Amino acid sequence: MATYTADVRWALAAGEDFAAGRYSRGHTLRFDGGVELAGSASPHVVGKWAVASAVDPEEMLVAALSSCHMLSFLHVARLAGFSARTYRDHAEGTMAEIAPGRQAVTRVVLHPRIEWAGPAPDAERLAALHEEAHQTCFIANSVRTEVTVA
């Protein structure tokens, strides 16, 4: 098995009031390969205290599901004898209330567009490849969120 790490760092800036909730939610995310991202709460959640240009946890979840599906799809498509040239996805996640005062990303819809180098699978085979990719995606297997391909 493997272990994955992420370092998350936040600090209260001068003049901010933590007790009153008046502080930036901006923080830094660093991954084991050295990549560093600006992170924040979603502007939909904390308004002006978010850093709109930073990545929020909900976006990271949607991106993780999309990326994992893509990697799984490319693998199963290759094993099935197909050759992909490009893969693009515009994934969309939906936040909903799951209980009073509790919210979750309950649904993620993937919109993959694949260009093939050579013969493309027919619609039925393509759907089967996406289903196989979904079943093998580690991230999809790790969440309760409904993930569909449109």
N, C-alpha and C. Protein backbone atom coordinates (compact mmCIF):
# COMPACT_ATOMS: atom_id res chain seq x y z
N MET A 1 0.84 -1.18 0.00
CA MET A 1 0.00 0.00 0.00
C MET A 1 0.88 1.24 0.00
N ALA A 2 0.29 2.36 -0.28
CA ALA A 2 1.02 3.61 -0.37
C ALA A 2 0.49 4.60 0.66
N THR A 3 1.32 5.58 0.99
CA THR A 3 0.94 6.66 1.88
C THR A 3 1.09 7.96 1.12
N TYR A 4 0.12 8.84 1.26
CA TYR A 4 0.13 10.12 0.56
C TYR A 4 0.11 11.23 1.60
N THR A 5 0.87 12.30 1.33
CA THR A 5 0.94 13.39 2.29
C THR A 5 0.63 14.72 1.64
N ALA A 6 0.18 15.64 2.44
CA ALA A 6 -0.01 17.03 2.05
C ALA A 6 0.26 17.87 3.28
N ASP A 7 1.01 18.94 3.10
CA ASP A 7 1.25 19.87 4.19
C ASP A 7 0.36 21.08 3.98
N VAL A 8 -0.38 21.46 5.00
CA VAL A 8 -1.29 22.59 4.94
C VAL A 8 -0.83 23.60 5.98
N ARG A 9 -0.66 24.87 5.53
CA ARG A 9 -0.17 25.90 6.45
C ARG A 9 -1.02 27.15 6.34
N TRP A 10 -1.39 27.67 7.49
CA TRP A 10 -2.18 28.91 7.60
C TRP A 10 -1.63 29.70 8.77
N ALA A 11 -1.70 31.01 8.69
CA ALA A 11 -1.30 31.87 9.81
C ALA A 11 -2.21 33.10 9.83
N LEU A 12 -2.55 33.52 11.02
CA LEU A 12 -3.34 34.73 11.21
C LEU A 12 -2.49 35.93 10.84
N ALA A 13 -3.02 36.78 9.98
CA ALA A 13 -2.29 37.98 9.56
C ALA A 13 -2.51 39.11 10.55
N ALA A 14 -1.58 40.03 10.58
CA ALA A 14 -1.67 41.20 11.46
C ALA A 14 -2.97 41.95 11.20
N GLY A 15 -3.68 42.31 12.26
CA GLY A 15 -4.91 43.06 12.14
C GLY A 15 -6.17 42.22 11.97
N GLU A 16 -6.02 40.92 11.77
CA GLU A 16 -7.20 40.06 11.64
C GLU A 16 -7.72 39.69 13.03
N ASP A 17 -9.02 39.40 13.11
CA ASP A 17 -9.66 39.09 14.39
C ASP A 17 -10.22 37.67 14.33
N PHE A 18 -9.44 36.74 14.83
CA PHE A 18 -9.83 35.33 14.78
C PHE A 18 -11.12 35.07 15.55
N ALA A 19 -11.22 35.60 16.76
CA ALA A 19 -12.38 35.36 17.62
C ALA A 19 -13.67 35.84 16.97
N ALA A 20 -13.59 36.89 16.17
CA ALA A 20 -14.79 37.43 15.50
C ALA A 20 -15.01 36.81 14.12
N GLY A 21 -14.13 35.90 13.71
CA GLY A 21 -14.28 35.26 12.40
C GLY A 21 -13.80 36.14 11.26
N ARG A 22 -13.08 37.21 11.57
CA ARG A 22 -12.62 38.15 10.55
C ARG A 22 -11.16 37.87 10.22
N TYR A 23 -10.96 36.82 9.47
CA TYR A 23 -9.61 36.43 9.08
C TYR A 23 -9.66 35.72 7.73
N SER A 24 -8.58 35.84 7.01
CA SER A 24 -8.49 35.21 5.69
C SER A 24 -8.45 33.69 5.84
N ARG A 25 -9.14 33.03 4.95
CA ARG A 25 -9.09 31.56 4.92
C ARG A 25 -7.99 31.08 3.97
N GLY A 26 -7.23 32.02 3.43
CA GLY A 26 -6.13 31.65 2.54
C GLY A 26 -5.05 30.86 3.26
N HIS A 27 -4.52 29.86 2.60
CA HIS A 27 -3.49 29.02 3.18
C HIS A 27 -2.66 28.42 2.05
N THR A 28 -1.65 27.67 2.40
CA THR A 28 -0.77 27.04 1.42
C THR A 28 -0.88 25.53 1.53
N LEU A 29 -0.92 24.89 0.38
CA LEU A 29 -0.94 23.43 0.30
C LEU A 29 0.35 23.00 -0.40
N ARG A 30 1.07 22.09 0.20
CA ARG A 30 2.30 21.60 -0.43
C ARG A 30 2.24 20.08 -0.47
N PHE A 31 2.62 19.55 -1.64
CA PHE A 31 2.56 18.11 -1.84
C PHE A 31 3.96 17.52 -1.93
N ASP A 32 4.05 16.20 -1.76
CA ASP A 32 5.35 15.55 -1.64
C ASP A 32 6.27 15.75 -2.84
N GLY A 33 5.74 16.04 -4.00
CA GLY A 33 6.58 16.28 -5.17
C GLY A 33 7.10 17.70 -5.24
N GLY A 34 6.71 18.55 -4.29
CA GLY A 34 7.19 19.92 -4.25
C GLY A 34 6.21 20.95 -4.78
N VAL A 35 5.11 20.50 -5.36
CA VAL A 35 4.11 21.44 -5.88
C VAL A 35 3.46 22.17 -4.71
N GLU A 36 3.33 23.48 -4.86
CA GLU A 36 2.68 24.28 -3.83
C GLU A 36 1.52 25.04 -4.47
N LEU A 37 0.37 25.00 -3.81
CA LEU A 37 -0.82 25.68 -4.29
C LEU A 37 -1.35 26.63 -3.24
N ALA A 38 -2.00 27.69 -3.72
CA ALA A 38 -2.72 28.58 -2.82
C ALA A 38 -4.08 27.96 -2.58
N GLY A 39 -4.44 27.78 -1.33
CA GLY A 39 -5.72 27.21 -0.96
C GLY A 39 -6.55 28.21 -0.18
N SER A 40 -7.84 27.97 -0.14
CA SER A 40 -8.76 28.84 0.59
C SER A 40 -10.08 28.11 0.76
N ALA A 41 -10.90 28.63 1.65
CA ALA A 41 -12.30 28.19 1.69
C ALA A 41 -12.96 28.75 0.43
N SER A 42 -14.06 28.17 0.05
CA SER A 42 -14.81 28.64 -1.11
C SER A 42 -15.45 30.00 -0.83
N PRO A 43 -15.42 30.91 -1.81
CA PRO A 43 -16.14 32.17 -1.65
C PRO A 43 -17.63 31.95 -1.41
N HIS A 44 -18.17 30.80 -1.87
CA HIS A 44 -19.57 30.48 -1.64
C HIS A 44 -19.85 30.18 -0.17
N VAL A 45 -18.79 29.86 0.56
CA VAL A 45 -18.94 29.48 1.96
C VAL A 45 -18.64 30.65 2.90
N VAL A 46 -17.54 31.36 2.67
CA VAL A 46 -17.12 32.40 3.61
C VAL A 46 -17.04 33.79 3.00
N GLY A 47 -17.53 33.96 1.79
CA GLY A 47 -17.59 35.28 1.18
C GLY A 47 -16.25 35.97 1.08
N LYS A 48 -16.18 37.21 1.59
CA LYS A 48 -14.99 38.04 1.42
C LYS A 48 -13.76 37.51 2.15
N TRP A 49 -13.92 36.56 3.04
CA TRP A 49 -12.77 36.01 3.76
C TRP A 49 -12.07 34.92 2.97
N ALA A 50 -12.63 34.56 1.82
CA ALA A 50 -11.99 33.58 0.94
C ALA A 50 -11.02 34.30 0.02
N VAL A 51 -10.09 33.56 -0.52
CA VAL A 51 -9.19 34.06 -1.56
C VAL A 51 -9.72 33.47 -2.86
N ALA A 52 -10.41 34.30 -3.64
CA ALA A 52 -11.12 33.82 -4.83
C ALA A 52 -10.20 33.15 -5.84
N SER A 53 -8.94 33.59 -5.92
CA SER A 53 -8.03 33.02 -6.92
C SER A 53 -7.40 31.71 -6.45
N ALA A 54 -7.62 31.32 -5.22
CA ALA A 54 -7.04 30.08 -4.68
C ALA A 54 -7.98 28.90 -4.93
N VAL A 55 -7.45 27.71 -4.77
CA VAL A 55 -8.21 26.48 -4.94
C VAL A 55 -8.89 26.14 -3.62
N ASP A 56 -10.18 25.81 -3.67
CA ASP A 56 -10.87 25.44 -2.44
C ASP A 56 -11.03 23.92 -2.35
N PRO A 57 -11.31 23.39 -1.16
CA PRO A 57 -11.41 21.94 -0.99
C PRO A 57 -12.45 21.29 -1.91
N GLU A 58 -13.55 21.99 -2.17
CA GLU A 58 -14.58 21.41 -3.04
C GLU A 58 -14.06 21.27 -4.46
N GLU A 59 -13.33 22.29 -4.93
CA GLU A 59 -12.73 22.21 -6.27
C GLU A 59 -11.69 21.09 -6.34
N MET A 60 -10.92 20.94 -5.27
CA MET A 60 -9.90 19.88 -5.25
C MET A 60 -10.55 18.50 -5.29
N LEU A 61 -11.67 18.34 -4.62
CA LEU A 61 -12.38 17.06 -4.66
C LEU A 61 -12.86 16.77 -6.07
N VAL A 62 -13.47 17.76 -6.71
CA VAL A 62 -13.96 17.59 -8.08
C VAL A 62 -12.79 17.27 -9.01
N ALA A 63 -11.69 18.02 -8.87
CA ALA A 63 -10.51 17.78 -9.71
C ALA A 63 -9.91 16.40 -9.46
N ALA A 64 -9.87 15.97 -8.20
CA ALA A 64 -9.32 14.65 -7.88
C ALA A 64 -10.16 13.55 -8.53
N LEU A 65 -11.47 13.68 -8.47
CA LEU A 65 -12.34 12.68 -9.11
C LEU A 65 -12.16 12.68 -10.62
N SER A 66 -12.07 13.86 -11.22
CA SER A 66 -11.89 13.97 -12.67
C SER A 66 -10.54 13.41 -13.09
N SER A 67 -9.49 13.78 -12.39
CA SER A 67 -8.15 13.32 -12.72
C SER A 67 -8.03 11.80 -12.57
N CYS A 68 -8.55 11.27 -11.48
CA CYS A 68 -8.48 9.83 -11.25
C CYS A 68 -9.27 9.07 -12.32
N HIS A 69 -10.44 9.59 -12.68
CA HIS A 69 -11.23 8.94 -13.72
C HIS A 69 -10.47 8.96 -15.04
N MET A 70 -9.87 10.10 -15.37
CA MET A 70 -9.11 10.20 -16.61
C MET A 70 -7.97 9.17 -16.63
N LEU A 71 -7.19 9.12 -15.58
CA LEU A 71 -6.06 8.19 -15.53
C LEU A 71 -6.53 6.74 -15.63
N SER A 72 -7.62 6.42 -14.94
CA SER A 72 -8.18 5.06 -15.01
C SER A 72 -8.72 4.77 -16.40
N PHE A 73 -9.40 5.76 -17.00
CA PHE A 73 -9.96 5.59 -18.34
C PHE A 73 -8.86 5.36 -19.37
N LEU A 74 -7.81 6.18 -19.33
CA LEU A 74 -6.72 6.00 -20.29
C LEU A 74 -6.12 4.61 -20.18
N HIS A 75 -6.00 4.12 -18.97
CA HIS A 75 -5.45 2.78 -18.75
C HIS A 75 -6.37 1.69 -19.33
N VAL A 76 -7.65 1.74 -19.01
CA VAL A 76 -8.54 0.68 -19.51
C VAL A 76 -8.74 0.79 -21.01
N ALA A 77 -8.73 2.01 -21.55
CA ALA A 77 -8.86 2.17 -23.00
C ALA A 77 -7.64 1.57 -23.71
N ARG A 78 -6.46 1.81 -23.18
CA ARG A 78 -5.24 1.23 -23.76
C ARG A 78 -5.28 -0.29 -23.72
N LEU A 79 -5.68 -0.84 -22.57
CA LEU A 79 -5.76 -2.30 -22.46
C LEU A 79 -6.79 -2.89 -23.41
N ALA A 80 -7.82 -2.11 -23.76
CA ALA A 80 -8.86 -2.57 -24.69
C ALA A 80 -8.44 -2.38 -26.15
N GLY A 81 -7.25 -1.83 -26.37
CA GLY A 81 -6.74 -1.70 -27.73
C GLY A 81 -7.01 -0.36 -28.40
N PHE A 82 -7.49 0.60 -27.65
CA PHE A 82 -7.75 1.93 -28.22
C PHE A 82 -6.57 2.85 -27.92
N SER A 83 -6.44 3.88 -28.75
CA SER A 83 -5.35 4.82 -28.59
C SER A 83 -5.90 6.24 -28.49
N ALA A 84 -5.81 6.82 -27.31
CA ALA A 84 -6.31 8.18 -27.09
C ALA A 84 -5.22 9.18 -27.49
N ARG A 85 -5.65 10.28 -28.08
CA ARG A 85 -4.73 11.37 -28.44
C ARG A 85 -4.84 12.51 -27.42
N THR A 86 -6.08 12.88 -27.07
CA THR A 86 -6.30 13.91 -26.06
C THR A 86 -7.51 13.52 -25.21
N TYR A 87 -7.52 14.04 -24.02
CA TYR A 87 -8.64 13.83 -23.09
C TYR A 87 -8.85 15.16 -22.38
N ARG A 88 -10.06 15.68 -22.44
CA ARG A 88 -10.42 16.92 -21.74
C ARG A 88 -11.69 16.66 -20.94
N ASP A 89 -11.78 17.30 -19.81
CA ASP A 89 -12.97 17.16 -18.99
C ASP A 89 -13.29 18.50 -18.34
N HIS A 90 -14.56 18.82 -18.30
CA HIS A 90 -15.05 19.98 -17.53
C HIS A 90 -15.98 19.39 -16.48
N ALA A 91 -15.41 19.04 -15.33
CA ALA A 91 -16.16 18.38 -14.27
C ALA A 91 -16.91 19.42 -13.43
N GLU A 92 -18.10 19.04 -12.97
CA GLU A 92 -18.93 19.93 -12.16
C GLU A 92 -19.39 19.21 -10.91
N GLY A 93 -19.14 19.83 -9.76
CA GLY A 93 -19.59 19.27 -8.50
C GLY A 93 -20.75 20.08 -7.93
N THR A 94 -21.65 19.40 -7.26
CA THR A 94 -22.82 20.05 -6.66
C THR A 94 -22.79 19.86 -5.16
N MET A 95 -22.91 20.98 -4.45
CA MET A 95 -23.00 20.95 -2.98
C MET A 95 -24.47 20.96 -2.60
N ALA A 96 -24.83 20.14 -1.64
CA ALA A 96 -26.22 20.08 -1.19
C ALA A 96 -26.27 19.83 0.31
N GLU A 97 -27.37 20.19 0.91
CA GLU A 97 -27.57 19.92 2.33
C GLU A 97 -27.94 18.45 2.50
N ILE A 98 -27.23 17.77 3.39
CA ILE A 98 -27.50 16.35 3.63
C ILE A 98 -28.21 16.12 4.95
N ALA A 99 -28.21 17.13 5.80
CA ALA A 99 -28.91 17.12 7.08
C ALA A 99 -28.92 18.57 7.56
N PRO A 100 -29.78 18.92 8.48
CA PRO A 100 -29.79 20.30 8.97
C PRO A 100 -28.39 20.73 9.42
N GLY A 101 -27.88 21.80 8.79
CA GLY A 101 -26.57 22.32 9.14
C GLY A 101 -25.39 21.55 8.57
N ARG A 102 -25.64 20.53 7.75
CA ARG A 102 -24.55 19.73 7.16
C ARG A 102 -24.67 19.74 5.65
N GLN A 103 -23.54 20.02 5.00
CA GLN A 103 -23.50 20.01 3.54
C GLN A 103 -22.43 19.05 3.06
N ALA A 104 -22.56 18.63 1.81
CA ALA A 104 -21.57 17.76 1.20
C ALA A 104 -21.61 17.95 -0.31
N VAL A 105 -20.49 17.63 -0.94
CA VAL A 105 -20.49 17.54 -2.40
C VAL A 105 -21.15 16.19 -2.69
N THR A 106 -22.39 16.26 -3.12
CA THR A 106 -23.19 15.05 -3.28
C THR A 106 -23.14 14.46 -4.68
N ARG A 107 -22.71 15.27 -5.64
CA ARG A 107 -22.73 14.79 -7.02
C ARG A 107 -21.63 15.46 -7.80
N VAL A 108 -20.93 14.68 -8.60
CA VAL A 108 -19.94 15.20 -9.53
C VAL A 108 -20.27 14.62 -10.90
N VAL A 109 -20.41 15.50 -11.87
CA VAL A 109 -20.68 15.08 -13.25
C VAL A 109 -19.43 15.36 -14.07
N LEU A 110 -18.93 14.33 -14.70
CA LEU A 110 -17.77 14.45 -15.58
C LEU A 110 -18.26 14.63 -17.01
N HIS A 111 -17.56 15.45 -17.76
CA HIS A 111 -17.90 15.70 -19.17
C HIS A 111 -16.67 15.44 -20.03
N PRO A 112 -16.20 14.19 -20.05
CA PRO A 112 -14.97 13.91 -20.80
C PRO A 112 -15.19 13.99 -22.32
N ARG A 113 -14.18 14.52 -22.99
CA ARG A 113 -14.15 14.56 -24.45
C ARG A 113 -12.81 13.98 -24.87
N ILE A 114 -12.86 12.91 -25.62
CA ILE A 114 -11.64 12.19 -26.00
C ILE A 114 -11.48 12.26 -27.51
N GLU A 115 -10.26 12.56 -27.94
CA GLU A 115 -9.90 12.44 -29.36
C GLU A 115 -9.07 11.18 -29.48
N TRP A 116 -9.39 10.40 -30.48
CA TRP A 116 -8.75 9.10 -30.65
C TRP A 116 -7.73 9.15 -31.79
N ALA A 117 -6.65 8.42 -31.63
CA ALA A 117 -5.67 8.21 -32.70
C ALA A 117 -5.98 6.82 -33.24
N GLY A 118 -6.76 6.77 -34.28
CA GLY A 118 -7.20 5.48 -34.81
C GLY A 118 -8.68 5.28 -34.51
N PRO A 119 -9.14 4.05 -34.63
CA PRO A 119 -10.57 3.77 -34.43
C PRO A 119 -11.03 4.13 -33.02
N ALA A 120 -12.21 4.72 -32.95
CA ALA A 120 -12.82 5.08 -31.66
C ALA A 120 -13.83 4.01 -31.26
N PRO A 121 -14.01 3.81 -29.97
CA PRO A 121 -15.04 2.85 -29.54
C PRO A 121 -16.43 3.39 -29.87
N ASP A 122 -17.36 2.47 -30.13
CA ASP A 122 -18.74 2.92 -30.35
C ASP A 122 -19.32 3.37 -29.01
N ALA A 123 -20.49 3.95 -29.03
CA ALA A 123 -21.09 4.54 -27.82
C ALA A 123 -21.22 3.52 -26.70
N GLU A 124 -21.63 2.32 -27.02
CA GLU A 124 -21.81 1.28 -25.99
C GLU A 124 -20.47 0.89 -25.36
N ARG A 125 -19.47 0.72 -26.20
CA ARG A 125 -18.13 0.34 -25.70
C ARG A 125 -17.53 1.49 -24.89
N LEU A 126 -17.74 2.74 -25.35
CA LEU A 126 -17.24 3.90 -24.64
C LEU A 126 -17.84 3.98 -23.24
N ALA A 127 -19.15 3.76 -23.14
CA ALA A 127 -19.82 3.77 -21.84
C ALA A 127 -19.26 2.67 -20.94
N ALA A 128 -18.98 1.50 -21.51
CA ALA A 128 -18.42 0.40 -20.73
C ALA A 128 -17.01 0.74 -20.24
N LEU A 129 -16.22 1.41 -21.07
CA LEU A 129 -14.88 1.82 -20.66
C LEU A 129 -14.96 2.83 -19.51
N HIS A 130 -15.89 3.77 -19.62
CA HIS A 130 -16.06 4.74 -18.53
C HIS A 130 -16.51 4.04 -17.25
N GLU A 131 -17.40 3.09 -17.35
CA GLU A 131 -17.85 2.37 -16.15
C GLU A 131 -16.69 1.59 -15.52
N GLU A 132 -15.89 0.94 -16.36
CA GLU A 132 -14.73 0.20 -15.83
C GLU A 132 -13.75 1.17 -15.17
N ALA A 133 -13.53 2.33 -15.80
CA ALA A 133 -12.65 3.34 -15.22
C ALA A 133 -13.19 3.80 -13.87
N HIS A 134 -14.50 4.01 -13.79
CA HIS A 134 -15.11 4.44 -12.54
C HIS A 134 -14.90 3.40 -11.44
N GLN A 135 -15.07 2.14 -11.80
CA GLN A 135 -14.92 1.07 -10.81
C GLN A 135 -13.49 0.92 -10.33
N THR A 136 -12.51 1.31 -11.15
CA THR A 136 -11.11 1.16 -10.74
C THR A 136 -10.51 2.44 -10.18
N CYS A 137 -11.22 3.55 -10.25
CA CYS A 137 -10.70 4.83 -9.77
C CYS A 137 -10.61 4.82 -8.24
N PHE A 138 -9.41 4.99 -7.72
CA PHE A 138 -9.20 4.95 -6.27
C PHE A 138 -9.98 6.03 -5.55
N ILE A 139 -10.07 7.21 -6.14
CA ILE A 139 -10.75 8.32 -5.48
C ILE A 139 -12.26 8.08 -5.46
N ALA A 140 -12.82 7.65 -6.59
CA ALA A 140 -14.26 7.35 -6.62
C ALA A 140 -14.60 6.25 -5.61
N ASN A 141 -13.70 5.30 -5.44
CA ASN A 141 -13.91 4.23 -4.47
C ASN A 141 -13.80 4.72 -3.03
N SER A 142 -13.30 5.92 -2.84
CA SER A 142 -13.05 6.46 -1.50
C SER A 142 -14.12 7.42 -1.01
N VAL A 143 -15.08 7.79 -1.86
CA VAL A 143 -16.07 8.79 -1.48
C VAL A 143 -17.50 8.25 -1.67
N ARG A 144 -18.44 8.90 -0.98
CA ARG A 144 -19.86 8.55 -1.14
C ARG A 144 -20.53 9.37 -2.22
N THR A 145 -19.83 10.37 -2.74
CA THR A 145 -20.37 11.26 -3.77
C THR A 145 -20.75 10.46 -5.02
N GLU A 146 -21.91 10.78 -5.56
CA GLU A 146 -22.33 10.16 -6.83
C GLU A 146 -21.48 10.77 -7.95
N VAL A 147 -20.86 9.91 -8.75
CA VAL A 147 -20.03 10.36 -9.87
C VAL A 147 -20.64 9.79 -11.15
N THR A 148 -20.97 10.67 -12.09
CA THR A 148 -21.54 10.22 -13.36
C THR A 148 -20.77 10.83 -14.53
N VAL A 149 -20.87 10.17 -15.67
CA VAL A 149 -20.29 10.66 -16.91
C VAL A 149 -21.42 11.09 -17.80
N ALA A 150 -21.38 12.34 -18.25
CA ALA A 150 -22.43 12.88 -19.13
C ALA A 150 -22.01 12.79 -20.58
